[in-house]
């Protein structure tokens, strides 16, 4: 039972880390004018909470920017982590099913 919990935790942390990297990559690509249109279209699918960042194109203070980035990275971590947890559960369930002839 403990091994399953550890596996779930690893999948959650790894998937959440991927989510943070995706959000960071989209923010970096959004800084360049040649890729901004691509980021606007892709971020709706890969990082839906980034819409807040697009709405506030220029936060008034550094504190507001830090709060916005913490919200986007945190929610992307949880969103991708839950998707990874779901995939781990499906994978575990499929591996434990008895083979049917």
PDB file of N, CA and C in Angstrom:
ATOM      1  N   UNK A   1       0.817  -1.199   0.000  1.00  0.00           N
ATOM      2  CA  UNK A   1       0.000   0.000   0.000  1.00  0.00           C
ATOM      3  C   UNK A   1       0.866   1.271   0.000  1.00  0.00           C
ATOM      4  N   UNK A   2       1.971   1.220   0.748  1.00  0.00           N
ATOM      5  CA  UNK A   2       2.849   2.376   0.807  1.00  0.00           C
ATOM      6  C   UNK A   2       3.547   2.605  -0.532  1.00  0.00           C
ATOM      7  N   UNK A   3       3.844   1.533  -1.252  1.00  0.00           N
ATOM      8  CA  UNK A   3       4.494   1.670  -2.563  1.00  0.00           C
ATOM      9  C   UNK A   3       3.570   2.367  -3.552  1.00  0.00           C
ATOM     10  N   UNK A   4       2.290   2.087  -3.466  1.00  0.00           N
ATOM     11  CA  UNK A   4       1.325   2.728  -4.362  1.00  0.00           C
ATOM     12  C   UNK A   4       1.245   4.223  -4.057  1.00  0.00           C
ATOM     13  N   UNK A   5       1.250   4.565  -2.775  1.00  0.00           N
ATOM     14  CA  UNK A   5       1.212   5.989  -2.395  1.00  0.00           C
ATOM     15  C   UNK A   5       2.461   6.717  -2.896  1.00  0.00           C
ATOM     16  N   UNK A   6       3.608   6.065  -2.763  1.00  0.00           N
ATOM     17  CA  UNK A   6       4.844   6.687  -3.249  1.00  0.00           C
ATOM     18  C   UNK A   6       4.802   6.869  -4.754  1.00  0.00           C
ATOM     19  N   UNK A   7       4.276   5.880  -5.465  1.00  0.00           N
ATOM     20  CA  UNK A   7       4.173   5.980  -6.923  1.00  0.00           C
ATOM     21  C   UNK A   7       3.237   7.126  -7.297  1.00  0.00           C
ATOM     22  N   UNK A   8       2.102   7.228  -6.606  1.00  0.00           N
ATOM     23  CA  UNK A   8       1.170   8.331  -6.876  1.00  0.00           C
ATOM     24  C   UNK A   8       1.830   9.680  -6.594  1.00  0.00           C
ATOM     25  N   UNK A   9       2.569   9.767  -5.502  1.00  0.00           N
ATOM     26  CA  UNK A   9       3.247  11.028  -5.157  1.00  0.00           C
ATOM     27  C   UNK A   9       4.285  11.393  -6.206  1.00  0.00           C
ATOM     28  N   UNK A  10       5.043  10.396  -6.689  1.00  0.00           N
ATOM     29  CA  UNK A  10       6.035  10.677  -7.732  1.00  0.00           C
ATOM     30  C   UNK A  10       5.381  11.176  -9.002  1.00  0.00           C
ATOM     31  N   UNK A  11       4.290  10.511  -9.418  1.00  0.00           N
ATOM     32  CA  UNK A  11       3.585  10.936 -10.631  1.00  0.00           C
ATOM     33  C   UNK A  11       3.044  12.347 -10.456  1.00  0.00           C
ATOM     34  N   UNK A  12       2.478  12.647  -9.283  1.00  0.00           N
ATOM     35  CA  UNK A  12       1.929  13.984  -9.032  1.00  0.00           C
ATOM     36  C   UNK A  12       3.027  15.035  -9.090  1.00  0.00           C
ATOM     37  N   UNK A  13       4.145  14.779  -8.410  1.00  0.00           N
ATOM     38  CA  UNK A  13       5.231  15.765  -8.379  1.00  0.00           C
ATOM     39  C   UNK A  13       5.885  15.940  -9.742  1.00  0.00           C
ATOM     40  N   UNK A  14       6.105  14.834 -10.446  1.00  0.00           N
ATOM     41  CA  UNK A  14       6.713  14.933 -11.768  1.00  0.00           C
ATOM     42  C   UNK A  14       5.787  15.671 -12.733  1.00  0.00           C
ATOM     43  N   UNK A  15       4.509  15.312 -12.754  1.00  0.00           N
ATOM     44  CA  UNK A  15       3.556  15.976 -13.655  1.00  0.00           C
ATOM     45  C   UNK A  15       3.382  17.436 -13.293  1.00  0.00           C
ATOM     46  N   UNK A  16       3.347  17.745 -12.004  1.00  0.00           N
ATOM     47  CA  UNK A  16       3.259  19.138 -11.585  1.00  0.00           C
ATOM     48  C   UNK A  16       4.470  19.938 -12.003  1.00  0.00           C
ATOM     49  N   UNK A  17       5.651  19.333 -11.910  1.00  0.00           N
ATOM     50  CA  UNK A  17       6.872  19.998 -12.373  1.00  0.00           C
ATOM     51  C   UNK A  17       6.832  20.270 -13.871  1.00  0.00           C
ATOM     52  N   UNK A  18       6.303  19.323 -14.622  1.00  0.00           N
ATOM     53  CA  UNK A  18       6.141  19.537 -16.064  1.00  0.00           C
ATOM     54  C   UNK A  18       5.191  20.707 -16.311  1.00  0.00           C
ATOM     55  N   UNK A  19       4.133  20.800 -15.517  1.00  0.00           N
ATOM     56  CA  UNK A  19       3.190  21.910 -15.659  1.00  0.00           C
ATOM     57  C   UNK A  19       3.838  23.259 -15.403  1.00  0.00           C
ATOM     58  N   UNK A  20       4.701  23.328 -14.406  1.00  0.00           N
ATOM     59  CA  UNK A  20       5.413  24.582 -14.122  1.00  0.00           C
ATOM     60  C   UNK A  20       6.363  24.916 -15.267  1.00  0.00           C
ATOM     61  N   UNK A  21       7.055  23.914 -15.790  1.00  0.00           N
ATOM     62  CA  UNK A  21       7.957  24.153 -16.918  1.00  0.00           C
ATOM     63  C   UNK A  21       7.203  24.628 -18.158  1.00  0.00           C
ATOM     64  N   UNK A  22       6.024  24.065 -18.395  1.00  0.00           N
ATOM     65  CA  UNK A  22       5.207  24.503 -19.538  1.00  0.00           C
ATOM     66  C   UNK A  22       4.806  25.962 -19.372  1.00  0.00           C
ATOM     67  N   UNK A  23       4.347  26.331 -18.173  1.00  0.00           N
ATOM     68  CA  UNK A  23       3.962  27.727 -17.931  1.00  0.00           C
ATOM     69  C   UNK A  23       5.153  28.662 -18.075  1.00  0.00           C
ATOM     70  N   UNK A  24       6.302  28.263 -17.555  1.00  0.00           N
ATOM     71  CA  UNK A  24       7.500  29.088 -17.665  1.00  0.00           C
ATOM     72  C   UNK A  24       7.921  29.256 -19.120  1.00  0.00           C
ATOM     73  N   UNK A  25       7.879  28.179 -19.881  1.00  0.00           N
ATOM     74  CA  UNK A  25       8.231  28.246 -21.295  1.00  0.00           C
ATOM     75  C   UNK A  25       7.273  29.158 -22.058  1.00  0.00           C
ATOM     76  N   UNK A  26       5.985  29.074 -21.742  1.00  0.00           N
ATOM     77  CA  UNK A  26       5.023  29.946 -22.418  1.00  0.00           C
ATOM     78  C   UNK A  26       5.238  31.408 -22.062  1.00  0.00           C
ATOM     79  N   UNK A  27       5.600  31.694 -20.799  1.00  0.00           N
ATOM     80  CA  UNK A  27       5.893  33.078 -20.432  1.00  0.00           C
ATOM     81  C   UNK A  27       7.133  33.603 -21.146  1.00  0.00           C
ATOM     82  N   UNK A  28       8.146  32.764 -21.268  1.00  0.00           N
ATOM     83  CA  UNK A  28       9.361  33.196 -21.963  1.00  0.00           C
ATOM     84  C   UNK A  28       9.071  33.427 -23.442  1.00  0.00           C
ATOM     85  N   UNK A  29       8.346  32.502 -24.066  1.00  0.00           N
ATOM     86  CA  UNK A  29       8.001  32.673 -25.482  1.00  0.00           C
ATOM     87  C   UNK A  29       7.085  33.874 -25.705  1.00  0.00           C
ATOM     88  N   UNK A  30       6.242  34.188 -24.729  1.00  0.00           N
ATOM     89  CA  UNK A  30       5.345  35.332 -24.858  1.00  0.00           C
ATOM     90  C   UNK A  30       6.060  36.671 -24.832  1.00  0.00           C
ATOM     91  N   UNK A  31       7.297  36.677 -24.381  1.00  0.00           N
ATOM     92  CA  UNK A  31       8.064  37.928 -24.333  1.00  0.00           C
ATOM     93  C   UNK A  31       8.559  38.351 -25.713  1.00  0.00           C
ATOM     94  N   UNK A  32       8.596  37.428 -26.653  1.00  0.00           N
ATOM     95  CA  UNK A  32       9.063  37.736 -27.999  1.00  0.00           C
ATOM     96  C   UNK A  32       7.878  38.018 -28.910  1.00  0.00           C
ATOM     97  N   UNK A  33       8.011  39.041 -29.744  1.00  0.00           N
ATOM     98  CA  UNK A  33       6.885  39.430 -30.596  1.00  0.00           C
ATOM     99  C   UNK A  33       6.563  38.397 -31.665  1.00  0.00           C
ATOM    100  N   UNK A  34       7.571  37.673 -32.156  1.00  0.00           N
ATOM    101  CA  UNK A  34       7.312  36.714 -33.236  1.00  0.00           C
ATOM    102  C   UNK A  34       6.545  35.482 -32.756  1.00  0.00           C
ATOM    103  N   UNK A  35       6.553  35.194 -31.460  1.00  0.00           N
ATOM    104  CA  UNK A  35       5.856  34.006 -30.968  1.00  0.00           C
ATOM    105  C   UNK A  35       4.645  34.333 -30.092  1.00  0.00           C
ATOM    106  N   UNK A  36       4.321  35.605 -29.958  1.00  0.00           N
ATOM    107  CA  UNK A  36       3.239  35.992 -29.064  1.00  0.00           C
ATOM    108  C   UNK A  36       1.883  35.457 -29.520  1.00  0.00           C
ATOM    109  N   UNK A  37       1.597  35.466 -30.816  1.00  0.00           N
ATOM    110  CA  UNK A  37       0.313  34.949 -31.310  1.00  0.00           C
ATOM    111  C   UNK A  37       0.209  33.446 -31.049  1.00  0.00           C
ATOM    112  N   UNK A  38       1.304  32.733 -31.219  1.00  0.00           N
ATOM    113  CA  UNK A  38       1.328  31.301 -30.929  1.00  0.00           C
ATOM    114  C   UNK A  38       1.033  31.041 -29.453  1.00  0.00           C
ATOM    115  N   UNK A  39       1.652  31.809 -28.572  1.00  0.00           N
ATOM    116  CA  UNK A  39       1.476  31.638 -27.133  1.00  0.00           C
ATOM    117  C   UNK A  39       0.033  31.919 -26.725  1.00  0.00           C
ATOM    118  N   UNK A  40      -0.577  32.925 -27.317  1.00  0.00           N
ATOM    119  CA  UNK A  40      -1.963  33.255 -26.978  1.00  0.00           C
ATOM    120  C   UNK A  40      -2.884  32.085 -27.303  1.00  0.00           C
ATOM    121  N   UNK A  41      -2.679  31.456 -28.438  1.00  0.00           N
ATOM    122  CA  UNK A  41      -3.550  30.344 -28.836  1.00  0.00           C
ATOM    123  C   UNK A  41      -3.241  29.067 -28.057  1.00  0.00           C
ATOM    124  N   UNK A  42      -1.994  28.790 -27.808  1.00  0.00           N
ATOM    125  CA  UNK A  42      -1.608  27.551 -27.140  1.00  0.00           C
ATOM    126  C   UNK A  42      -1.851  27.618 -25.632  1.00  0.00           C
ATOM    127  N   UNK A  43      -1.715  28.785 -25.040  1.00  0.00           N
ATOM    128  CA  UNK A  43      -1.858  28.895 -23.592  1.00  0.00           C
ATOM    129  C   UNK A  43      -3.282  28.615 -23.119  1.00  0.00           C
ATOM    130  N   UNK A  44      -4.258  28.786 -23.965  1.00  0.00           N
ATOM    131  CA  UNK A  44      -5.637  28.483 -23.579  1.00  0.00           C
ATOM    132  C   UNK A  44      -5.779  26.992 -23.273  1.00  0.00           C
ATOM    133  N   UNK A  45      -5.020  26.160 -23.978  1.00  0.00           N
ATOM    134  CA  UNK A  45      -5.091  24.714 -23.776  1.00  0.00           C
ATOM    135  C   UNK A  45      -4.073  24.241 -22.740  1.00  0.00           C
ATOM    136  N   UNK A  46      -2.832  24.673 -22.853  1.00  0.00           N
ATOM    137  CA  UNK A  46      -1.774  24.161 -21.989  1.00  0.00           C
ATOM    138  C   UNK A  46      -1.697  24.833 -20.625  1.00  0.00           C
ATOM    139  N   UNK A  47      -2.152  26.048 -20.535  1.00  0.00           N
ATOM    140  CA  UNK A  47      -2.060  26.805 -19.286  1.00  0.00           C
ATOM    141  C   UNK A  47      -3.262  27.753 -19.197  1.00  0.00           C
ATOM    142  N   UNK A  48      -4.459  27.214 -18.911  1.00  0.00           N
ATOM    143  CA  UNK A  48      -5.673  28.045 -18.986  1.00  0.00           C
ATOM    144  C   UNK A  48      -5.696  29.223 -18.015  1.00  0.00           C
ATOM    145  N   UNK A  49      -5.027  29.113 -16.879  1.00  0.00           N
ATOM    146  CA  UNK A  49      -5.034  30.232 -15.938  1.00  0.00           C
ATOM    147  C   UNK A  49      -4.129  31.366 -16.365  1.00  0.00           C
ATOM    148  N   UNK A  50      -3.379  31.179 -17.451  1.00  0.00           N
ATOM    149  CA  UNK A  50      -2.526  32.238 -17.974  1.00  0.00           C
ATOM    150  C   UNK A  50      -3.358  33.361 -18.590  1.00  0.00           C
ATOM    151  N   UNK A  51      -4.640  33.121 -18.788  1.00  0.00           N
ATOM    152  CA  UNK A  51      -5.521  34.160 -19.306  1.00  0.00           C
ATOM    153  C   UNK A  51      -5.492  35.375 -18.381  1.00  0.00           C
ATOM    154  N   UNK A  52      -5.328  35.142 -17.090  1.00  0.00           N
ATOM    155  CA  UNK A  52      -5.194  36.268 -16.161  1.00  0.00           C
ATOM    156  C   UNK A  52      -3.973  37.110 -16.492  1.00  0.00           C
ATOM    157  N   UNK A  53      -2.879  36.454 -16.830  1.00  0.00           N
ATOM    158  CA  UNK A  53      -1.663  37.180 -17.184  1.00  0.00           C
ATOM    159  C   UNK A  53      -1.812  37.929 -18.486  1.00  0.00           C
ATOM    160  N   UNK A  54      -2.585  37.367 -19.407  1.00  0.00           N
ATOM    161  CA  UNK A  54      -2.812  38.062 -20.669  1.00  0.00           C
ATOM    162  C   UNK A  54      -3.733  39.262 -20.470  1.00  0.00           C
ATOM    163  N   UNK A  55      -4.671  39.147 -19.525  1.00  0.00           N
ATOM    164  CA  UNK A  55      -5.569  40.264 -19.237  1.00  0.00           C
ATOM    165  C   UNK A  55      -4.837  41.406 -18.551  1.00  0.00           C
ATOM    166  N   UNK A  56      -3.900  41.073 -17.683  1.00  0.00           N
ATOM    167  CA  UNK A  56      -3.083  42.083 -17.004  1.00  0.00           C
ATOM    168  C   UNK A  56      -1.726  42.131 -17.694  1.00  0.00           C
ATOM    169  N   UNK A  57      -1.682  42.732 -18.851  1.00  0.00           N
ATOM    170  CA  UNK A  57      -0.456  42.701 -19.644  1.00  0.00           C
ATOM    171  C   UNK A  57       0.712  43.394 -18.948  1.00  0.00           C
ATOM    172  N   UNK A  58       0.418  44.374 -18.117  1.00  0.00           N
ATOM    173  CA  UNK A  58       1.489  45.074 -17.414  1.00  0.00           C
ATOM    174  C   UNK A  58       1.056  45.297 -15.965  1.00  0.00           C
ATOM    175  N   UNK A  59       1.362  44.348 -15.059  1.00  0.00           N
ATOM    176  CA  UNK A  59       0.988  44.545 -13.653  1.00  0.00           C
ATOM    177  C   UNK A  59       1.634  45.812 -13.102  1.00  0.00           C
ATOM    178  N   UNK A  60       0.910  46.549 -12.283  1.00  0.00           N
ATOM    179  CA  UNK A  60       1.396  47.861 -11.826  1.00  0.00           C
ATOM    180  C   UNK A  60       2.621  47.799 -10.916  1.00  0.00           C
ATOM    181  N   UNK A  61       2.762  46.751 -10.127  1.00  0.00           N
ATOM    182  CA  UNK A  61       3.888  46.676  -9.194  1.00  0.00           C
ATOM    183  C   UNK A  61       4.582  45.322  -9.316  1.00  0.00           C
ATOM    184  N   UNK A  62       5.824  45.234  -8.870  1.00  0.00           N
ATOM    185  CA  UNK A  62       6.496  43.928  -8.868  1.00  0.00           C
ATOM    186  C   UNK A  62       5.797  42.907  -7.963  1.00  0.00           C
ATOM    187  N   UNK A  63       5.175  43.390  -6.905  1.00  0.00           N
ATOM    188  CA  UNK A  63       4.442  42.487  -6.021  1.00  0.00           C
ATOM    189  C   UNK A  63       3.234  41.870  -6.718  1.00  0.00           C
ATOM    190  N   UNK A  64       2.555  42.674  -7.536  1.00  0.00           N
ATOM    191  CA  UNK A  64       1.418  42.161  -8.286  1.00  0.00           C
ATOM    192  C   UNK A  64       1.863  41.129  -9.321  1.00  0.00           C
ATOM    193  N   UNK A  65       3.008  41.381  -9.937  1.00  0.00           N
ATOM    194  CA  UNK A  65       3.556  40.424 -10.893  1.00  0.00           C
ATOM    195  C   UNK A  65       3.941  39.123 -10.197  1.00  0.00           C
ATOM    196  N   UNK A  66       4.571  39.211  -9.035  1.00  0.00           N
ATOM    197  CA  UNK A  66       4.956  38.014  -8.290  1.00  0.00           C
ATOM    198  C   UNK A  66       3.732  37.218  -7.860  1.00  0.00           C
ATOM    199  N   UNK A  67       2.689  37.904  -7.430  1.00  0.00           N
ATOM    200  CA  UNK A  67       1.454  37.231  -7.027  1.00  0.00           C
ATOM    201  C   UNK A  67       0.800  36.543  -8.217  1.00  0.00           C
ATOM    202  N   UNK A  68       0.784  37.214  -9.351  1.00  0.00           N
ATOM    203  CA  UNK A  68       0.211  36.632 -10.561  1.00  0.00           C
ATOM    204  C   UNK A  68       0.990  35.395 -11.003  1.00  0.00           C
ATOM    205  N   UNK A  69       2.312  35.477 -11.007  1.00  0.00           N
ATOM    206  CA  UNK A  69       3.131  34.335 -11.401  1.00  0.00           C
ATOM    207  C   UNK A  69       2.989  33.176 -10.416  1.00  0.00           C
ATOM    208  N   UNK A  70       2.923  33.480  -9.127  1.00  0.00           N
ATOM    209  CA  UNK A  70       2.737  32.420  -8.128  1.00  0.00           C
ATOM    210  C   UNK A  70       1.395  31.726  -8.337  1.00  0.00           C
ATOM    211  N   UNK A  71       0.357  32.493  -8.646  1.00  0.00           N
ATOM    212  CA  UNK A  71      -0.951  31.896  -8.896  1.00  0.00           C
ATOM    213  C   UNK A  71      -0.929  31.011 -10.142  1.00  0.00           C
ATOM    214  N   UNK A  72      -0.336  31.515 -11.222  1.00  0.00           N
ATOM    215  CA  UNK A  72      -0.305  30.754 -12.477  1.00  0.00           C
ATOM    216  C   UNK A  72       0.535  29.490 -12.317  1.00  0.00           C
ATOM    217  N   UNK A  73       1.720  29.603 -11.725  1.00  0.00           N
ATOM    218  CA  UNK A  73       2.574  28.424 -11.568  1.00  0.00           C
ATOM    219  C   UNK A  73       1.955  27.427 -10.594  1.00  0.00           C
ATOM    220  N   UNK A  74       1.367  27.914  -9.521  1.00  0.00           N
ATOM    221  CA  UNK A  74       0.747  27.021  -8.535  1.00  0.00           C
ATOM    222  C   UNK A  74      -0.447  26.274  -9.101  1.00  0.00           C
ATOM    223  N   UNK A  75      -1.319  26.979  -9.794  1.00  0.00           N
ATOM    224  CA  UNK A  75      -2.480  26.304 -10.359  1.00  0.00           C
ATOM    225  C   UNK A  75      -2.084  25.365 -11.489  1.00  0.00           C
ATOM    226  N   UNK A  76      -1.074  25.720 -12.265  1.00  0.00           N
ATOM    227  CA  UNK A  76      -0.607  24.816 -13.316  1.00  0.00           C
ATOM    228  C   UNK A  76       0.031  23.568 -12.693  1.00  0.00           C
ATOM    229  N   UNK A  77       0.749  23.735 -11.587  1.00  0.00           N
ATOM    230  CA  UNK A  77       1.325  22.593 -10.888  1.00  0.00           C
ATOM    231  C   UNK A  77       0.230  21.642 -10.418  1.00  0.00           C
ATOM    232  N   UNK A  78      -0.800  22.182  -9.804  1.00  0.00           N
ATOM    233  CA  UNK A  78      -1.889  21.339  -9.302  1.00  0.00           C
ATOM    234  C   UNK A  78      -2.663  20.707 -10.458  1.00  0.00           C
ATOM    235  N   UNK A  79      -2.953  21.473 -11.500  1.00  0.00           N
ATOM    236  CA  UNK A  79      -3.702  20.954 -12.645  1.00  0.00           C
ATOM    237  C   UNK A  79      -2.956  19.797 -13.315  1.00  0.00           C
ATOM    238  N   UNK A  80      -1.687  19.996 -13.629  1.00  0.00           N
ATOM    239  CA  UNK A  80      -0.900  18.935 -14.266  1.00  0.00           C
ATOM    240  C   UNK A  80      -0.660  17.779 -13.300  1.00  0.00           C
ATOM    241  N   UNK A  81      -0.502  18.083 -12.012  1.00  0.00           N
ATOM    242  CA  UNK A  81      -0.325  17.025 -11.025  1.00  0.00           C
ATOM    243  C   UNK A  81      -1.552  16.133 -10.925  1.00  0.00           C
ATOM    244  N   UNK A  82      -2.746  16.719 -10.958  1.00  0.00           N
ATOM    245  CA  UNK A  82      -3.972  15.922 -10.921  1.00  0.00           C
ATOM    246  C   UNK A  82      -4.134  15.085 -12.181  1.00  0.00           C
ATOM    247  N   UNK A  83      -3.751  15.640 -13.316  1.00  0.00           N
ATOM    248  CA  UNK A  83      -3.806  14.865 -14.568  1.00  0.00           C
ATOM    249  C   UNK A  83      -2.822  13.697 -14.474  1.00  0.00           C
ATOM    250  N   UNK A  84      -1.632  13.923 -13.950  1.00  0.00           N
ATOM    251  CA  UNK A  84      -0.661  12.851 -13.766  1.00  0.00           C
ATOM    252  C   UNK A  84      -1.145  11.809 -12.781  1.00  0.00           C
ATOM    253  N   UNK A  85      -1.826  12.248 -11.726  1.00  0.00           N
ATOM    254  CA  UNK A  85      -2.382  11.328 -10.743  1.00  0.00           C
ATOM    255  C   UNK A  85      -3.462  10.456 -11.369  1.00  0.00           C
ATOM    256  N   UNK A  86      -4.283  11.049 -12.205  1.00  0.00           N
ATOM    257  CA  UNK A  86      -5.321  10.300 -12.909  1.00  0.00           C
ATOM    258  C   UNK A  86      -4.690   9.275 -13.858  1.00  0.00           C
ATOM    259  N   UNK A  87      -3.667   9.688 -14.589  1.00  0.00           N
ATOM    260  CA  UNK A  87      -2.980   8.759 -15.485  1.00  0.00           C
ATOM    261  C   UNK A  87      -2.319   7.618 -14.717  1.00  0.00           C
ATOM    262  N   UNK A  88      -1.751   7.911 -13.563  1.00  0.00           N
ATOM    263  CA  UNK A  88      -1.144   6.873 -12.739  1.00  0.00           C
ATOM    264  C   UNK A  88      -2.204   5.893 -12.254  1.00  0.00           C
ATOM    265  N   UNK A  89      -3.352   6.398 -11.842  1.00  0.00           N
ATOM    266  CA  UNK A  89      -4.429   5.519 -11.404  1.00  0.00           C
ATOM    267  C   UNK A  89      -4.919   4.611 -12.513  1.00  0.00           C
ATOM    268  N   UNK A  90      -5.075   5.155 -13.712  1.00  0.00           N
ATOM    269  CA  UNK A  90      -5.496   4.351 -14.850  1.00  0.00           C
ATOM    270  C   UNK A  90      -4.436   3.311 -15.184  1.00  0.00           C
ATOM    271  N   UNK A  91      -3.175   3.722 -15.170  1.00  0.00           N
ATOM    272  CA  UNK A  91      -2.079   2.794 -15.461  1.00  0.00           C
ATOM    273  C   UNK A  91      -2.034   1.660 -14.439  1.00  0.00           C
ATOM    274  N   UNK A  92      -2.183   1.996 -13.157  1.00  0.00           N
ATOM    275  CA  UNK A  92      -2.177   0.979 -12.108  1.00  0.00           C
ATOM    276  C   UNK A  92      -3.361   0.046 -12.264  1.00  0.00           C
ATOM    277  N   UNK A  93      -4.519   0.587 -12.565  1.00  0.00           N
ATOM    278  CA  UNK A  93      -5.716  -0.233 -12.739  1.00  0.00           C
ATOM    279  C   UNK A  93      -5.571  -1.167 -13.937  1.00  0.00           C
ATOM    280  N   UNK A  94      -5.027  -0.673 -15.040  1.00  0.00           N
ATOM    281  CA  UNK A  94      -4.860  -1.516 -16.221  1.00  0.00           C
ATOM    282  C   UNK A  94      -3.834  -2.621 -15.994  1.00  0.00           C
ATOM    283  N   UNK A  95      -2.794  -2.334 -15.226  1.00  0.00           N
ATOM    284  CA  UNK A  95      -1.772  -3.345 -14.960  1.00  0.00           C
ATOM    285  C   UNK A  95      -2.288  -4.449 -14.053  1.00  0.00           C
ATOM    286  N   UNK A  96      -3.226  -4.146 -13.172  1.00  0.00           N
ATOM    287  CA  UNK A  96      -3.727  -5.128 -12.222  1.00  0.00           C
ATOM    288  C   UNK A  96      -4.904  -5.927 -12.739  1.00  0.00           C
ATOM    289  N   UNK A  97      -5.478  -5.523 -13.853  1.00  0.00           N
ATOM    290  CA  UNK A  97      -6.606  -6.270 -14.415  1.00  0.00           C
ATOM    291  C   UNK A  97      -6.138  -7.629 -14.893  1.00  0.00           C
ATOM    292  N   UNK A  98      -6.936  -8.647 -14.626  1.00  0.00           N
ATOM    293  CA  UNK A  98      -6.548  -9.956 -15.141  1.00  0.00           C
ATOM    294  C   UNK A  98      -6.729 -10.014 -16.658  1.00  0.00           C
ATOM    295  N   UNK A  99      -5.836 -10.710 -17.305  1.00  0.00           N
ATOM    296  CA  UNK A  99      -5.903 -10.831 -18.760  1.00  0.00           C
ATOM    297  C   UNK A  99      -7.093 -11.713 -19.144  1.00  0.00           C
ATOM    298  N   UNK A 100      -7.871 -11.259 -20.103  1.00  0.00           N
ATOM    299  CA  UNK A 100      -9.022 -12.043 -20.565  1.00  0.00           C
ATOM    300  C   UNK A 100      -8.624 -12.790 -21.824  1.00  0.00           C
ATOM    301  N   UNK A 101      -9.036 -14.047 -21.912  1.00  0.00           N
ATOM    302  CA  UNK A 101      -8.656 -14.832 -23.106  1.00  0.00           C
ATOM    303  C   UNK A 101      -9.431 -14.466 -24.329  1.00  0.00           C
TER     304      UNK A 101
END
